[in-house]
N, C-alpha and C. Protein backbone atom coordinates (compact mmCIF):
# COMPACT_ATOMS: atom_id res chain seq x y z
N MET A 1 12.95 -56.96 -11.37
CA MET A 1 11.97 -58.31 -11.92
C MET A 1 11.85 -56.40 -13.52
N PRO A 2 11.17 -57.43 -14.09
CA PRO A 2 10.15 -56.87 -15.44
C PRO A 2 8.65 -55.32 -14.57
N LYS A 3 9.11 -54.08 -15.47
CA LYS A 3 8.80 -52.83 -14.85
C LYS A 3 6.95 -53.30 -15.43
N HIS A 4 7.65 -54.08 -16.31
CA HIS A 4 6.20 -53.68 -16.84
C HIS A 4 5.87 -55.91 -17.41
N GLU A 5 4.42 -55.19 -17.59
CA GLU A 5 4.07 -57.13 -18.02
C GLU A 5 4.47 -57.65 -19.30
N ILE A 6 4.76 -59.37 -18.67
CA ILE A 6 5.16 -60.55 -19.62
C ILE A 6 5.03 -61.30 -20.43
N ILE A 7 3.93 -60.70 -21.87
CA ILE A 7 3.30 -61.64 -22.30
C ILE A 7 3.27 -61.90 -23.49
N PRO A 8 3.04 -63.16 -24.33
CA PRO A 8 2.82 -63.21 -25.42
C PRO A 8 2.40 -62.94 -26.26
N CYS A 9 4.14 -62.95 -27.43
CA CYS A 9 3.15 -62.77 -28.92
C CYS A 9 1.84 -64.05 -29.60
N GLU A 10 0.32 -62.20 -29.43
CA GLU A 10 -0.66 -63.47 -29.65
C GLU A 10 -0.82 -64.60 -31.39
N ARG A 11 0.19 -64.37 -31.84
CA ARG A 11 0.59 -64.71 -33.05
C ARG A 11 1.32 -66.28 -32.96
N CYS A 12 2.64 -65.83 -32.66
CA CYS A 12 3.72 -67.02 -32.20
C CYS A 12 3.99 -66.96 -31.42
N GLY A 13 3.45 -66.68 -29.74
CA GLY A 13 3.90 -67.07 -28.59
C GLY A 13 4.97 -67.00 -28.01
N ALA A 14 6.01 -66.61 -28.73
CA ALA A 14 6.82 -65.34 -28.06
C ALA A 14 6.61 -64.44 -26.78
N LYS A 15 7.21 -65.29 -25.58
CA LYS A 15 7.23 -63.72 -24.67
C LYS A 15 7.84 -62.71 -24.61
N PHE A 16 7.16 -61.26 -24.32
CA PHE A 16 7.89 -59.90 -24.70
C PHE A 16 7.48 -58.83 -23.07
N GLU A 17 7.98 -57.98 -23.60
CA GLU A 17 6.98 -56.96 -21.89
C GLU A 17 7.32 -56.29 -22.75
N CYS A 18 5.58 -56.15 -22.49
CA CYS A 18 5.19 -55.40 -23.23
C CYS A 18 5.05 -54.27 -22.28
N LYS A 19 4.75 -52.39 -23.08
CA LYS A 19 4.69 -51.37 -22.51
C LYS A 19 4.47 -50.32 -23.17
N ALA A 20 2.75 -51.09 -23.22
CA ALA A 20 1.27 -50.17 -23.67
C ALA A 20 1.23 -49.13 -22.45
N ASN A 21 1.74 -49.10 -21.48
CA ASN A 21 2.22 -47.52 -21.16
C ASN A 21 2.46 -46.68 -21.02
N ALA A 22 3.55 -46.90 -21.95
CA ALA A 22 5.24 -45.85 -22.33
C ALA A 22 5.00 -46.46 -24.13
N PHE A 23 4.04 -46.50 -24.62
CA PHE A 23 4.75 -46.79 -26.17
C PHE A 23 5.92 -46.25 -26.23
N THR A 24 6.39 -45.24 -26.48
CA THR A 24 7.35 -44.96 -27.39
C THR A 24 8.14 -46.00 -26.80
N LYS A 25 8.35 -46.42 -26.03
CA LYS A 25 9.66 -47.39 -25.06
C LYS A 25 9.62 -49.02 -25.46
N CYS A 26 7.90 -49.08 -26.33
CA CYS A 26 7.85 -50.33 -26.50
C CYS A 26 9.10 -50.79 -27.48
N GLN A 27 8.25 -51.91 -27.66
CA GLN A 27 9.06 -53.01 -28.68
C GLN A 27 8.68 -52.86 -30.29
N CYS A 28 6.92 -52.91 -29.88
CA CYS A 28 6.54 -52.69 -31.35
C CYS A 28 6.68 -51.07 -31.94
N SER A 29 6.76 -50.50 -31.80
CA SER A 29 6.75 -49.16 -31.46
C SER A 29 7.96 -48.75 -32.90
N THR A 30 9.02 -49.87 -33.06
CA THR A 30 9.93 -49.47 -34.01
C THR A 30 9.98 -50.66 -35.37
N VAL A 31 8.54 -50.04 -35.05
CA VAL A 31 8.13 -50.59 -36.85
C VAL A 31 6.01 -50.11 -37.30
N GLN A 32 7.49 -49.48 -38.50
CA GLN A 32 6.14 -48.33 -38.55
C GLN A 32 5.28 -48.62 -39.83
N LEU A 33 4.51 -49.32 -39.29
CA LEU A 33 3.14 -49.77 -39.88
C LEU A 33 2.11 -47.75 -40.75
N THR A 34 1.89 -48.35 -42.18
CA THR A 34 1.55 -47.49 -42.76
C THR A 34 -0.47 -47.75 -42.21
N LEU A 35 -1.43 -46.78 -42.22
CA LEU A 35 -2.16 -46.93 -42.21
C LEU A 35 -3.19 -48.31 -42.90
N ASN A 36 -2.74 -48.37 -43.63
CA ASN A 36 -4.05 -50.15 -44.24
C ASN A 36 -2.91 -51.21 -43.94
N GLU A 37 -1.56 -50.51 -43.13
CA GLU A 37 -0.94 -51.88 -43.06
C GLU A 37 -1.12 -52.00 -40.97
N VAL A 38 -1.44 -51.26 -40.60
CA VAL A 38 -2.63 -51.23 -39.13
C VAL A 38 -3.87 -52.57 -39.02
N GLN A 39 -4.60 -51.24 -40.83
CA GLN A 39 -5.92 -51.80 -40.54
C GLN A 39 -5.44 -53.94 -40.56
N TYR A 40 -5.12 -53.60 -41.71
CA TYR A 40 -4.74 -55.30 -41.82
C TYR A 40 -4.55 -56.67 -40.94
N VAL A 41 -3.76 -55.95 -40.47
CA VAL A 41 -2.76 -56.55 -39.36
C VAL A 41 -4.17 -57.01 -37.16
N SER A 42 -5.47 -55.29 -37.60
CA SER A 42 -6.26 -55.74 -36.86
C SER A 42 -6.88 -56.32 -36.88
N GLU A 43 -7.39 -56.09 -38.42
CA GLU A 43 -8.17 -57.53 -38.42
C GLU A 43 -7.98 -58.81 -38.67
N LEU A 44 -7.07 -59.70 -38.49
CA LEU A 44 -6.28 -60.72 -37.98
C LEU A 44 -5.91 -60.70 -36.68
N TYR A 45 -5.08 -59.64 -36.32
CA TYR A 45 -5.26 -60.50 -34.58
C TYR A 45 -5.97 -58.90 -34.15
N GLU A 46 -5.74 -59.44 -32.87
CA GLU A 46 -6.84 -58.50 -31.21
C GLU A 46 -6.07 -58.09 -30.27
N GLY A 47 -4.43 -58.80 -30.16
CA GLY A 47 -3.50 -59.11 -29.24
C GLY A 47 -1.99 -58.22 -29.25
N CYS A 48 -1.57 -57.72 -28.63
CA CYS A 48 0.23 -57.32 -28.69
C CYS A 48 0.41 -58.03 -29.95
N LEU A 49 1.22 -57.80 -30.34
CA LEU A 49 2.07 -59.22 -31.54
C LEU A 49 3.94 -58.73 -31.10
N CYS A 50 5.01 -59.62 -30.72
CA CYS A 50 6.04 -58.83 -30.82
C CYS A 50 6.42 -58.25 -32.58
N ALA A 51 7.47 -57.72 -32.52
CA ALA A 51 7.61 -56.65 -33.11
C ALA A 51 8.01 -57.29 -34.99
N ALA A 52 9.07 -58.76 -33.81
CA ALA A 52 9.15 -59.95 -35.01
C ALA A 52 7.96 -60.63 -35.87
N CYS A 53 6.97 -60.59 -36.12
CA CYS A 53 5.08 -60.89 -36.47
C CYS A 53 5.04 -59.65 -37.20
N LEU A 54 5.40 -58.80 -36.93
CA LEU A 54 4.39 -56.92 -37.11
C LEU A 54 5.62 -56.07 -38.01
N LEU A 55 6.53 -57.14 -38.60
CA LEU A 55 7.58 -57.13 -40.32
C LEU A 55 6.80 -58.03 -40.70
N GLU A 56 7.00 -59.61 -40.36
CA GLU A 56 6.77 -60.29 -40.75
C GLU A 56 5.30 -60.35 -41.61
N LEU A 57 4.25 -59.99 -40.87
CA LEU A 57 2.39 -59.02 -41.04
C LEU A 57 3.06 -58.34 -42.47
N GLN A 58 3.52 -57.11 -42.14
CA GLN A 58 4.07 -55.90 -42.86
C GLN A 58 4.43 -57.05 -44.18
N GLN A 59 5.08 -57.70 -44.01
CA GLN A 59 6.15 -57.48 -45.54
C GLN A 59 4.84 -58.39 -46.22
N GLU A 60 4.37 -60.16 -45.95
CA GLU A 60 2.96 -59.87 -45.74
C GLU A 60 2.12 -59.63 -46.57
N TYR A 61 1.48 -58.52 -46.59
CA TYR A 61 0.92 -57.75 -47.11
C TYR A 61 0.82 -55.96 -47.50
N ARG A 62 2.50 -56.15 -48.07
CA ARG A 62 2.63 -56.28 -48.35
C ARG A 62 3.08 -57.21 -50.11
N GLU A 63 3.92 -57.77 -50.36
CA GLU A 63 3.70 -58.71 -51.41
C GLU A 63 2.48 -58.73 -52.18
N ALA A 64 1.23 -59.03 -50.81
CA ALA A 64 -0.04 -58.87 -51.26
C ALA A 64 -0.60 -58.15 -52.00
N LEU A 65 0.19 -56.79 -52.00
CA LEU A 65 -0.47 -55.65 -53.42
C LEU A 65 -0.14 -56.20 -55.14
């Protein structure tokens, strides 16, 4: 049984284990976003996103520059 909550990604719906209380071990911590990228993502979504979606949004932001 997972130690952390299983939640759906707000963007794609994929389920993943959220480790917000152990952020450095969470899958989202593998994506290194700049402050501007974080702001871009937070303007679009309120909840947790999977690492794949974070990478896609990072690329989307960078291509829009």
